Amino acid sequence: MALPALVDPDEAAGYVAATGVDALGVAVGTSHAMLARDTVLDLALIARLRAAVPVPLVLHGSSGVPDEGLAAAVEHGMTKINVATRLNKAFTAAVRARLAADPPSGRPAPLRLRRPRRGRRRGRPPAGGHRRGPPTR
């Protein structure tokens, strides 16, 4: 498996200056949808990025990082930690457990979508004709 590409602090500083972003998601050893919690972050790179850019740093793919690694990332300058894969797995497991414990009875109610009404809309003249004066109510 190839190692993830890491962000260069000088390029990050140039990007922030050119775009005016409010926060910067940085590649420091993670990737999205990581399932095993064995990722090792480049903490020295996080510290160099923190010194190079004036905006908060965001860590994506954090579900693959052990808790100690996340704490160390914050200590080195990471500001926001995203852990969507972990949250999604926990949510899905809880829903499946609930449904297994108490299966739904019967069929779900049908989803009824309202279609937009066709024809004349309030405040517009009838097709082919023109109204004179202020609109009537």
Protein backbone atom coordinates (compact mmCIF):
# COMPACT_ATOMS: atom_id res chain seq x y z
CA MET A 1 0.00 0.00 0.00
CA ALA A 2 1.36 3.42 -0.95
CA LEU A 3 1.90 6.01 1.74
CA PRO A 4 -0.43 9.02 1.57
CA ALA A 5 0.99 12.23 0.13
CA LEU A 6 1.87 14.79 2.78
CA VAL A 7 1.29 18.53 2.53
CA ASP A 8 4.24 20.89 2.20
CA PRO A 9 4.13 23.75 4.77
CA ASP A 10 5.36 26.35 2.24
CA GLU A 11 2.70 25.32 -0.29
CA ALA A 12 0.07 25.37 2.47
CA ALA A 13 1.07 28.92 3.45
CA GLY A 14 0.90 30.06 -0.17
CA TYR A 15 -2.52 28.45 -0.63
CA VAL A 16 -3.93 30.08 2.51
CA ALA A 17 -2.56 33.49 1.47
CA ALA A 18 -3.93 33.17 -2.09
CA THR A 19 -7.40 31.92 -1.17
CA GLY A 20 -8.19 33.41 2.23
CA VAL A 21 -9.64 30.11 3.52
CA ASP A 22 -10.93 30.00 7.10
CA ALA A 23 -9.42 26.58 7.89
CA LEU A 24 -7.10 24.12 6.16
CA GLY A 25 -7.53 20.34 5.88
CA VAL A 26 -4.04 18.88 5.81
CA ALA A 27 -2.55 15.52 4.83
CA VAL A 28 -0.30 14.38 7.66
CA GLY A 29 -0.61 10.59 7.40
CA THR A 30 -4.35 9.83 7.25
CA SER A 31 -6.83 9.03 4.51
CA HIS A 32 -10.63 8.84 4.42
CA ALA A 33 -12.61 5.77 5.57
CA MET A 34 -9.81 4.19 7.58
CA LEU A 35 -11.10 1.22 9.57
CA ALA A 36 -8.07 0.06 11.57
CA ARG A 37 -6.91 2.44 14.30
CA ASP A 38 -3.18 2.06 13.68
CA THR A 39 -2.27 5.21 11.74
CA VAL A 40 0.81 7.12 12.87
CA LEU A 41 0.65 10.87 12.26
CA ASP A 42 3.62 13.04 11.30
CA LEU A 43 3.56 15.21 14.43
CA ALA A 44 6.62 17.23 13.40
CA LEU A 45 4.84 18.14 10.16
CA ILE A 46 1.75 19.23 12.10
CA ALA A 47 3.94 21.55 14.21
CA ARG A 48 5.60 22.99 11.06
CA LEU A 49 2.18 23.54 9.45
CA ARG A 50 0.88 25.25 12.62
CA ALA A 51 3.84 27.65 12.44
CA ALA A 52 3.40 28.23 8.69
CA VAL A 53 -0.33 29.05 8.43
CA PRO A 54 -2.51 31.47 10.42
CA VAL A 55 -5.73 29.41 10.11
CA PRO A 56 -6.98 26.39 12.07
CA LEU A 57 -5.73 22.99 10.88
CA VAL A 58 -8.27 20.22 10.15
CA LEU A 59 -7.49 16.51 10.29
CA HIS A 60 -9.57 14.32 7.96
CA GLY A 61 -9.53 10.53 8.13
CA SER A 62 -9.09 10.56 11.89
CA SER A 63 -11.06 7.36 12.47
CA GLY A 64 -7.87 5.44 11.73
CA VAL A 65 -5.85 7.24 14.41
CA PRO A 66 -5.67 5.90 17.98
CA ASP A 67 -6.85 8.25 20.74
CA GLU A 68 -3.28 8.92 21.87
CA GLY A 69 -2.38 10.00 18.34
CA LEU A 70 -5.32 12.40 18.20
CA ALA A 71 -4.34 13.94 21.53
CA ALA A 72 -0.75 14.34 20.31
CA ALA A 73 -2.00 15.95 17.08
CA VAL A 74 -3.90 18.56 19.11
CA GLU A 75 -0.81 19.19 21.27
CA HIS A 76 1.20 19.82 18.10
CA GLY A 77 -1.31 22.30 16.63
CA MET A 78 -4.24 20.43 15.06
CA THR A 79 -7.47 22.32 15.71
CA LYS A 80 -10.35 20.23 14.32
CA ILE A 81 -10.59 16.43 14.23
CA ASN A 82 -13.03 14.69 11.84
CA VAL A 83 -14.04 11.13 12.73
CA ALA A 84 -17.00 10.40 10.43
CA THR A 85 -16.17 6.74 9.71
CA ARG A 86 -16.11 5.92 13.43
CA LEU A 87 -19.38 7.77 14.01
CA ASN A 88 -21.03 6.12 11.00
CA LYS A 89 -19.98 2.64 12.17
CA ALA A 90 -21.29 3.29 15.70
CA PHE A 91 -24.57 4.72 14.38
CA THR A 92 -25.12 1.84 11.95
CA ALA A 93 -24.39 -0.75 14.64
CA ALA A 94 -26.86 0.92 17.03
CA VAL A 95 -29.62 1.05 14.39
CA ARG A 96 -29.08 -2.62 13.47
CA ALA A 97 -29.15 -3.65 17.14
CA ARG A 98 -32.36 -1.71 17.73
CA LEU A 99 -34.05 -3.19 14.67
CA ALA A 100 -32.95 -6.72 15.66
CA ALA A 101 -34.27 -6.24 19.20
CA ASP A 102 -37.61 -4.76 18.12
CA PRO A 103 -38.34 -5.36 14.42
CA PRO A 104 -40.78 -2.92 12.87
CA SER A 105 -44.34 -4.25 12.66
CA GLY A 106 -46.07 -4.09 9.31
CA ARG A 107 -45.07 -2.03 6.34
CA PRO A 108 -43.69 1.47 6.62
CA ALA A 109 -46.03 4.28 5.73
CA PRO A 110 -45.73 5.28 2.08
CA LEU A 111 -43.80 8.41 1.30
CA ARG A 112 -46.14 10.89 -0.34
CA LEU A 113 -44.57 13.69 -2.26
CA ARG A 114 -46.67 16.66 -3.29
CA ARG A 115 -46.48 17.58 -6.91
CA PRO A 116 -46.32 21.25 -7.76
CA ARG A 117 -49.69 22.66 -8.71
CA ARG A 118 -50.03 23.44 -12.34
CA GLY A 119 -51.99 26.19 -13.93
CA ARG A 120 -52.50 29.77 -12.91
CA ARG A 121 -50.37 31.07 -10.07
CA ARG A 122 -51.45 33.88 -7.81
CA GLY A 123 -50.41 37.31 -8.99
CA ARG A 124 -49.87 36.39 -12.61
CA PRO A 125 -52.23 37.14 -15.47
CA PRO A 126 -54.02 34.22 -17.10
CA ALA A 127 -52.26 32.70 -20.09
CA GLY A 128 -52.90 34.72 -23.23
CA GLY A 129 -54.51 37.62 -21.41
CA HIS A 130 -53.50 40.74 -19.59
CA ARG A 131 -54.92 42.15 -16.41
CA ARG A 132 -55.44 45.86 -16.03
CA GLY A 133 -54.96 47.63 -12.78
CA PRO A 134 -53.70 46.25 -9.47
CA PRO A 135 -54.06 42.54 -8.77
CA THR A 136 -57.33 41.51 -7.16
CA ARG A 137 -57.58 39.32 -4.12
